[in-house]
Amino acid sequence: MGKPGGLGDRQPDRGDTRRAGQAGAGRDGGVAERDDQVGVAEPVAHADETTARADGALRYLHVACTDYLTVMHVGDHSAATIDAGGVWPTFTGVLVRDGYSGYAHLAGALHAWCGAHLLRDLRQVHDGDPPGQVWADALASTLLDAHHAATAARAAGRHTLDPATLAEIRNHYLGALARGETDNQGKRSPLAQDARVLIRRFHRYEDMILRFATDLTVPFSNNLAERDVRPVKIQQRVSGGCWRTLTGLADFAVVQSYLSTASKWGVDTLDALVQLFTTGPWLPPAAHPA
């Protein structure tokens, strides 16, 4: 619980962000850089990106994170900018993400597609014509059933689903897609076209989509990264919707990386800032607790 009246009870304001960002960037090689070095060794990590306006233009804030580390950086939406964050080019674990193609070049990692995003896509198609797009509801149910089975297996201390359960999941998965192909064959409506695109995606990325079921260390969704980028949206809502300068947004990314990581380790954000301005930044001792 944060200290009364302290930063533990609120988002840092722009003065906090600027001062802490500048201090963090100038001490011990930078707070975010230490997160980069520790994060590449993790078996599972998450990526996400969100828009932010700065200096009159649309920018992107990228996040790479684990349960105990957060690092953010600013740029455009390109693969080169994703690489410039310093985490992903050397990452060899499982990368949990959405469907943005900018991550596709990261061949050193295994990829896992966020199940929550896929459920939203399926719901959108199904809601457009429930009787005609029943396959989408069936596939959504298959994903949720697989999620529940994986959750129960983890709770029981198991490392894998049994082969029969996995076979049943894949059978239902492919059966739903086959029904979708049949029901949309020859149709020219925009909804049918969207359905065929989605069906092709589920076929092409089957292993990536079912990674959470074949590897129980992988979560079903990318909620961790989405939570870590949420302060960007909060800051925009309370400060007029934009940053005046690109430097200000970059400073925000540095300080938010620092405070998010500290919070994940149970360090009070006010204490973390006091240490930053006095003896130097608090740094995570490892990728995760021993």
Protein backbone atom coordinates (compact mmCIF):
# COMPACT_ATOMS: atom_id res chain seq x y z
CA MET A 1 0.00 0.00 0.00
CA GLY A 2 1.38 3.42 -0.91
CA LYS A 3 2.31 6.08 1.60
CA PRO A 4 -0.37 8.73 2.28
CA GLY A 5 0.04 11.61 -0.12
CA GLY A 6 3.02 9.89 -1.76
CA LEU A 7 3.61 8.61 -5.23
CA GLY A 8 2.47 5.16 -4.14
CA ASP A 9 -1.10 6.56 -4.20
CA ARG A 10 -1.04 8.28 -7.62
CA GLN A 11 0.48 8.30 -11.07
CA PRO A 12 3.63 10.45 -11.29
CA ASP A 13 2.84 13.90 -12.68
CA ARG A 14 4.83 15.46 -15.52
CA GLY A 15 7.36 17.06 -13.18
CA ASP A 16 7.98 13.72 -11.49
CA THR A 17 8.28 12.03 -14.86
CA ARG A 18 10.72 14.54 -16.30
CA ARG A 19 13.01 14.62 -13.27
CA ALA A 20 12.95 10.87 -12.67
CA GLY A 21 13.38 10.09 -16.36
CA GLN A 22 16.38 12.35 -16.67
CA ALA A 23 17.88 10.98 -13.47
CA GLY A 24 17.22 7.37 -14.46
CA ALA A 25 18.74 7.83 -17.89
CA GLY A 26 21.85 9.37 -16.42
CA ARG A 27 22.66 6.95 -13.62
CA ASP A 28 24.30 3.53 -13.87
CA GLY A 29 23.75 3.32 -17.62
CA GLY A 30 19.96 3.79 -17.23
CA VAL A 31 17.27 1.86 -15.46
CA ALA A 32 15.68 0.46 -18.61
CA GLU A 33 18.97 -0.88 -19.90
CA ARG A 34 19.37 -3.10 -16.83
CA ASP A 35 15.91 -4.50 -17.44
CA ASP A 36 16.97 -5.25 -21.04
CA GLN A 37 19.96 -7.28 -19.90
CA VAL A 38 18.01 -9.30 -17.34
CA GLY A 39 14.89 -9.82 -19.45
CA VAL A 40 16.49 -11.66 -22.35
CA ALA A 41 17.13 -14.70 -20.14
CA GLU A 42 13.46 -15.23 -19.25
CA PRO A 43 11.62 -18.26 -20.68
CA VAL A 44 8.38 -16.28 -21.27
CA ALA A 45 7.97 -12.56 -21.89
CA HIS A 46 5.27 -10.24 -23.18
CA ALA A 47 5.17 -7.44 -25.75
CA ASP A 48 2.62 -4.77 -26.52
CA GLU A 49 2.43 -1.30 -27.98
CA THR A 50 0.09 1.67 -27.70
CA THR A 51 -0.26 5.04 -29.35
CA ALA A 52 0.68 8.34 -27.75
CA ARG A 53 0.74 11.86 -29.15
CA ALA A 54 3.91 13.88 -28.61
CA ASP A 55 5.25 16.99 -30.31
CA GLY A 56 2.13 17.16 -32.47
CA ALA A 57 2.53 13.70 -34.01
CA LEU A 58 1.38 10.14 -33.34
CA ARG A 59 4.05 8.01 -31.65
CA TYR A 60 4.17 4.49 -30.29
CA LEU A 61 5.21 3.40 -26.84
CA HIS A 62 6.46 -0.20 -26.80
CA VAL A 63 6.61 -2.41 -23.72
CA ALA A 64 8.53 -5.62 -23.04
CA CYS A 65 7.77 -7.24 -19.71
CA THR A 66 7.70 -10.25 -17.44
CA ASP A 67 6.09 -10.78 -14.04
CA TYR A 68 9.05 -8.95 -12.48
CA LEU A 69 10.43 -6.64 -15.17
CA THR A 70 9.12 -3.84 -17.36
CA VAL A 71 10.97 -1.86 -20.01
CA MET A 72 9.41 0.71 -22.34
CA HIS A 73 10.71 2.74 -25.23
CA VAL A 74 9.31 5.17 -27.78
CA GLY A 75 9.35 5.26 -31.57
CA ASP A 76 7.22 4.39 -34.55
CA HIS A 77 5.40 1.13 -35.33
CA SER A 78 8.16 -0.54 -37.35
CA ALA A 79 10.11 -3.72 -36.77
CA ALA A 80 13.27 -1.61 -36.56
CA THR A 81 11.82 0.33 -33.64
CA ILE A 82 10.78 -2.88 -31.91
CA ASP A 83 14.39 -4.07 -32.21
CA ALA A 84 15.71 -0.71 -30.99
CA GLY A 85 14.29 -1.43 -27.55
CA GLY A 86 17.18 -3.85 -27.09
CA VAL A 87 15.20 -6.80 -25.69
CA TRP A 88 13.80 -8.84 -28.54
CA PRO A 89 16.69 -9.33 -31.01
CA THR A 90 18.45 -11.65 -28.53
CA PHE A 91 15.36 -13.16 -26.89
CA THR A 92 15.01 -16.93 -27.31
CA GLY A 93 12.05 -17.75 -25.07
CA VAL A 94 8.31 -17.56 -25.75
CA LEU A 95 7.05 -14.14 -26.81
CA VAL A 96 3.38 -13.56 -25.92
CA ARG A 97 1.90 -10.85 -28.15
CA ASP A 98 -0.99 -9.75 -30.31
CA GLY A 99 -1.17 -10.27 -34.05
CA TYR A 100 0.87 -7.26 -35.11
CA SER A 101 3.21 -8.36 -37.92
CA GLY A 102 6.06 -6.17 -36.72
CA TYR A 103 7.12 -8.99 -34.37
CA ALA A 104 7.15 -11.68 -37.05
CA HIS A 105 10.84 -11.18 -37.92
CA LEU A 106 11.91 -12.27 -34.41
CA ALA A 107 12.87 -15.79 -35.48
CA GLY A 108 14.89 -16.54 -32.34
CA ALA A 109 11.75 -16.65 -30.20
CA LEU A 110 8.72 -18.91 -30.16
CA HIS A 111 5.56 -16.85 -30.51
CA ALA A 112 2.24 -17.13 -28.68
CA TRP A 113 -0.86 -15.26 -29.85
CA CYS A 114 -2.93 -13.58 -27.15
CA GLY A 115 -6.11 -15.60 -26.68
CA ALA A 116 -8.12 -12.61 -25.46
CA HIS A 117 -7.54 -10.80 -28.77
CA LEU A 118 -8.60 -13.88 -30.72
CA LEU A 119 -11.80 -14.25 -28.69
CA ARG A 120 -12.72 -10.66 -29.53
CA ASP A 121 -12.13 -11.32 -33.23
CA LEU A 122 -14.31 -14.44 -33.13
CA ARG A 123 -17.05 -12.66 -31.22
CA GLN A 124 -17.13 -9.86 -33.79
CA VAL A 125 -17.67 -12.33 -36.64
CA HIS A 126 -20.22 -14.40 -34.74
CA ASP A 127 -22.27 -11.39 -33.60
CA GLY A 128 -22.59 -10.24 -37.21
CA ASP A 129 -24.66 -13.34 -38.10
CA PRO A 130 -25.05 -15.87 -35.25
CA PRO A 131 -26.88 -18.54 -37.29
CA GLY A 132 -24.51 -18.21 -40.23
CA GLN A 133 -21.24 -17.96 -38.28
CA VAL A 134 -21.79 -20.64 -35.65
CA TRP A 135 -18.24 -21.88 -36.28
CA ALA A 136 -16.83 -18.75 -34.61
CA ASP A 137 -18.76 -19.45 -31.41
CA ALA A 138 -17.66 -23.09 -31.50
CA LEU A 139 -14.01 -22.11 -31.90
CA ALA A 140 -14.26 -19.55 -29.10
CA SER A 141 -15.68 -22.28 -26.85
CA THR A 142 -12.80 -24.57 -27.85
CA LEU A 143 -10.23 -21.93 -26.89
CA LEU A 144 -11.92 -21.30 -23.55
CA ASP A 145 -12.19 -25.01 -22.82
CA ALA A 146 -8.49 -25.39 -23.61
CA HIS A 147 -7.70 -22.43 -21.35
CA HIS A 148 -9.65 -23.98 -18.48
CA ALA A 149 -7.95 -27.35 -19.01
CA ALA A 150 -4.50 -25.71 -19.00
CA THR A 151 -5.35 -23.73 -15.85
CA ALA A 152 -6.53 -26.89 -14.06
CA ALA A 153 -3.40 -28.78 -15.11
CA ARG A 154 -1.13 -26.04 -13.76
CA ALA A 155 -3.06 -25.97 -10.48
CA ALA A 156 -2.54 -29.74 -10.21
CA GLY A 157 1.21 -29.28 -10.68
CA ARG A 158 1.32 -30.85 -14.13
CA HIS A 159 3.67 -29.58 -16.82
CA THR A 160 1.67 -30.73 -19.84
CA LEU A 161 -1.85 -31.63 -20.85
CA ASP A 162 -2.38 -35.33 -21.45
CA PRO A 163 -2.20 -36.39 -25.12
CA ALA A 164 -5.90 -37.28 -25.29
CA THR A 165 -6.94 -33.81 -24.11
CA LEU A 166 -4.62 -32.12 -26.60
CA ALA A 167 -5.90 -34.31 -29.41
CA GLU A 168 -9.51 -33.43 -28.52
CA ILE A 169 -8.66 -29.70 -28.48
CA ARG A 170 -7.07 -29.87 -31.94
CA ASN A 171 -9.94 -31.98 -33.28
CA HIS A 172 -12.53 -29.43 -32.13
CA TYR A 173 -10.33 -26.55 -33.36
CA LEU A 174 -10.00 -27.97 -36.87
CA GLY A 175 -13.63 -29.06 -36.92
CA ALA A 176 -14.82 -25.51 -36.20
CA LEU A 177 -12.61 -24.16 -39.00
CA ALA A 178 -13.94 -26.76 -41.44
CA ARG A 179 -17.51 -25.73 -40.56
CA GLY A 180 -16.58 -22.09 -41.13
CA GLU A 181 -15.10 -22.84 -44.54
CA THR A 182 -18.24 -24.70 -45.58
CA ASP A 183 -20.66 -22.07 -44.28
CA ASN A 184 -18.82 -19.19 -45.98
CA GLN A 185 -18.02 -20.87 -49.28
CA GLY A 186 -19.18 -18.81 -52.26
CA LYS A 187 -20.51 -15.94 -50.14
CA ARG A 188 -19.43 -12.41 -51.08
CA SER A 189 -20.66 -10.34 -48.16
CA PRO A 190 -18.12 -8.32 -46.16
CA LEU A 191 -18.82 -10.52 -43.13
CA ALA A 192 -18.10 -13.71 -45.09
CA GLN A 193 -14.87 -12.18 -46.38
CA ASP A 194 -13.85 -11.27 -42.81
CA ALA A 195 -14.72 -14.80 -41.70
CA ARG A 196 -12.54 -16.37 -44.41
CA VAL A 197 -9.61 -14.11 -43.44
CA LEU A 198 -10.01 -15.16 -39.81
CA ILE A 199 -10.27 -18.85 -40.74
CA ARG A 200 -7.04 -18.62 -42.75
CA ARG A 201 -5.35 -16.96 -39.77
CA PHE A 202 -6.39 -19.76 -37.42
CA HIS A 203 -5.13 -22.36 -39.89
CA ARG A 204 -1.81 -20.64 -40.55
CA TYR A 205 -0.99 -19.86 -36.92
CA GLU A 206 -2.44 -22.93 -35.22
CA ASP A 207 0.73 -23.74 -33.26
CA MET A 208 1.19 -20.13 -32.18
CA ILE A 209 -2.45 -19.82 -31.11
CA LEU A 210 -2.42 -23.09 -29.13
CA ARG A 211 0.98 -22.46 -27.52
CA PHE A 212 -0.70 -21.94 -24.13
CA ALA A 213 -2.08 -25.49 -24.31
CA THR A 214 1.08 -27.22 -25.53
CA ASP A 215 3.38 -25.34 -23.12
CA LEU A 216 1.84 -24.73 -19.72
CA THR A 217 4.42 -22.07 -18.83
CA VAL A 218 2.71 -19.84 -21.40
CA PRO A 219 -0.36 -17.85 -20.29
CA PHE A 220 -3.56 -17.67 -22.31
CA SER A 221 -3.56 -13.89 -22.72
CA ASN A 222 -1.27 -10.89 -22.97
CA ASN A 223 -2.95 -9.14 -20.05
CA LEU A 224 0.37 -8.53 -18.29
CA ALA A 225 1.68 -6.29 -21.07
CA GLU A 226 -1.69 -4.58 -21.48
CA ARG A 227 -1.67 -3.70 -17.78
CA ASP A 228 1.85 -2.34 -18.05
CA VAL A 229 0.97 0.07 -20.87
CA ARG A 230 -2.25 1.26 -19.18
CA PRO A 231 -0.52 4.16 -17.35
CA VAL A 232 0.18 5.71 -20.76
CA LYS A 233 -3.55 6.01 -21.42
CA ILE A 234 -4.21 7.25 -17.90
CA GLN A 235 -1.52 9.91 -18.25
CA GLN A 236 -3.00 11.09 -21.56
CA ARG A 237 -6.49 11.36 -20.09
CA VAL A 238 -5.37 13.49 -17.14
CA SER A 239 -2.94 15.72 -19.05
CA GLY A 240 -4.83 16.87 -22.12
CA GLY A 241 -4.20 13.89 -24.37
CA CYS A 242 -0.60 14.43 -25.41
CA TRP A 243 2.98 15.16 -24.44
CA ARG A 244 4.36 18.51 -25.51
CA THR A 245 7.71 17.06 -26.59
CA LEU A 246 9.03 13.70 -27.74
CA THR A 247 11.66 13.96 -25.00
CA GLY A 248 8.87 14.19 -22.43
CA LEU A 249 7.31 10.98 -23.70
CA ALA A 250 10.69 9.25 -23.71
CA ASP A 251 11.25 10.40 -20.10
CA PHE A 252 7.84 8.99 -19.19
CA ALA A 253 8.81 5.63 -20.70
CA VAL A 254 11.99 5.51 -18.62
CA VAL A 255 10.36 6.41 -15.32
CA GLN A 256 7.38 4.12 -15.92
CA SER A 257 9.77 1.24 -16.66
CA TYR A 258 11.52 1.97 -13.38
CA LEU A 259 8.40 2.34 -11.22
CA SER A 260 6.61 -0.64 -12.78
CA THR A 261 9.59 -2.92 -12.20
CA ALA A 262 10.02 -1.68 -8.63
CA SER A 263 6.33 -2.26 -7.91
CA LYS A 264 6.53 -5.81 -9.24
CA TRP A 265 9.24 -6.47 -6.66
CA GLY A 266 7.14 -4.98 -3.86
CA VAL A 267 9.16 -1.75 -3.66
CA ASP A 268 7.13 1.35 -2.80
CA THR A 269 7.24 3.81 -5.70
CA LEU A 270 8.02 6.78 -3.45
CA ASP A 271 10.93 4.87 -1.89
CA ALA A 272 12.17 3.96 -5.36
CA LEU A 273 12.14 7.62 -6.42
CA VAL A 274 13.85 8.79 -3.24
CA GLN A 275 16.63 6.26 -3.81
CA LEU A 276 16.91 7.33 -7.46
CA PHE A 277 17.49 10.97 -6.51
CA THR A 278 19.86 10.20 -3.62
CA THR A 279 22.04 7.10 -3.76
CA GLY A 280 21.14 5.96 -7.28
CA PRO A 281 18.41 3.86 -8.85
CA TRP A 282 17.00 0.74 -7.27
CA LEU A 283 17.77 -2.13 -9.64
CA PRO A 284 16.17 -5.59 -9.80
CA PRO A 285 18.58 -8.13 -8.32
CA ALA A 286 17.69 -10.79 -10.89
CA ALA A 287 15.16 -11.69 -13.54
CA HIS A 288 12.88 -13.09 -10.83
CA PRO A 289 13.05 -13.96 -7.12
CA ALA A 290 15.12 -17.00 -6.23
